[in-house]
Amino acid sequence: MFSLERTETCEQIVKKSRFRAVAAPISGEQDVRDLLATHSDPDANHNCWAWRIGQNYRFSDDGEPSGTAGKPILQAIDGQSLDNVIVVVTRWFGGVLLGTGGLIRAYGGTAAICLRAAGTVELVAMVDVVIRVGFSDLALVKARLAAAPGVRVASEAFLDDGAELTLAIPEAISREVARSIADATSGRVIMTFQP
């Protein structure tokens, strides 16, 4: 699965109606509400949208005939194997009726063009891990973590006898990283995998 690197915008004219798509990465429903508030134009005829976060998704036709706007936008997201993405397509009516098929092509097509123009990043399943390490092993543990691809240190807190590191480790290598750290410190490090 992939997501977007950044927000992307594109426009096209279909039989005198102007369609503007805004595609953006999201991490939760609060992002959805914020982006809808920011990118919906109250002066436009329709602000149709769709979003997907994992198995959760929603879409809206915003007054267009049922199934002609939100669903085609969601299909554009799914068709490009994207996740954690919202697309808002705004329409300013140009005086020519597009019909059901024309609306589906216009909304879905505008969303697809915008998504293809946006840069994507691969989504990697991560595991949260908390490590408690003594000062004597801290430099060694940090070196092992730096050598592991994709590991991020989310936070670091110093204690009386060492440090507590909160990490995000790619799920595919999490057991390998844990074994490497345990071997390097002869098991002196306490690692807790978070649910």
Foldseek 3Di string as FASTA:
>chain_A
DKAFPAKWKDWDADPQKIKIKIKGAADDVVVVVVVCVVPADPPFPAWWKKAAAPPDIDTDPRPDPPPLAGVLLVCLCVVVVYHRMMMIMTIHDRPDDLPSVRSNCVRNVNSNVRVVPTHMDDDFDKWKKKKWDFPVCVVVLVVLQVPAPPKDFPDWDADPGGIITIIIHGPVCVVVSVVVSCVVVVNRMDMDTDD
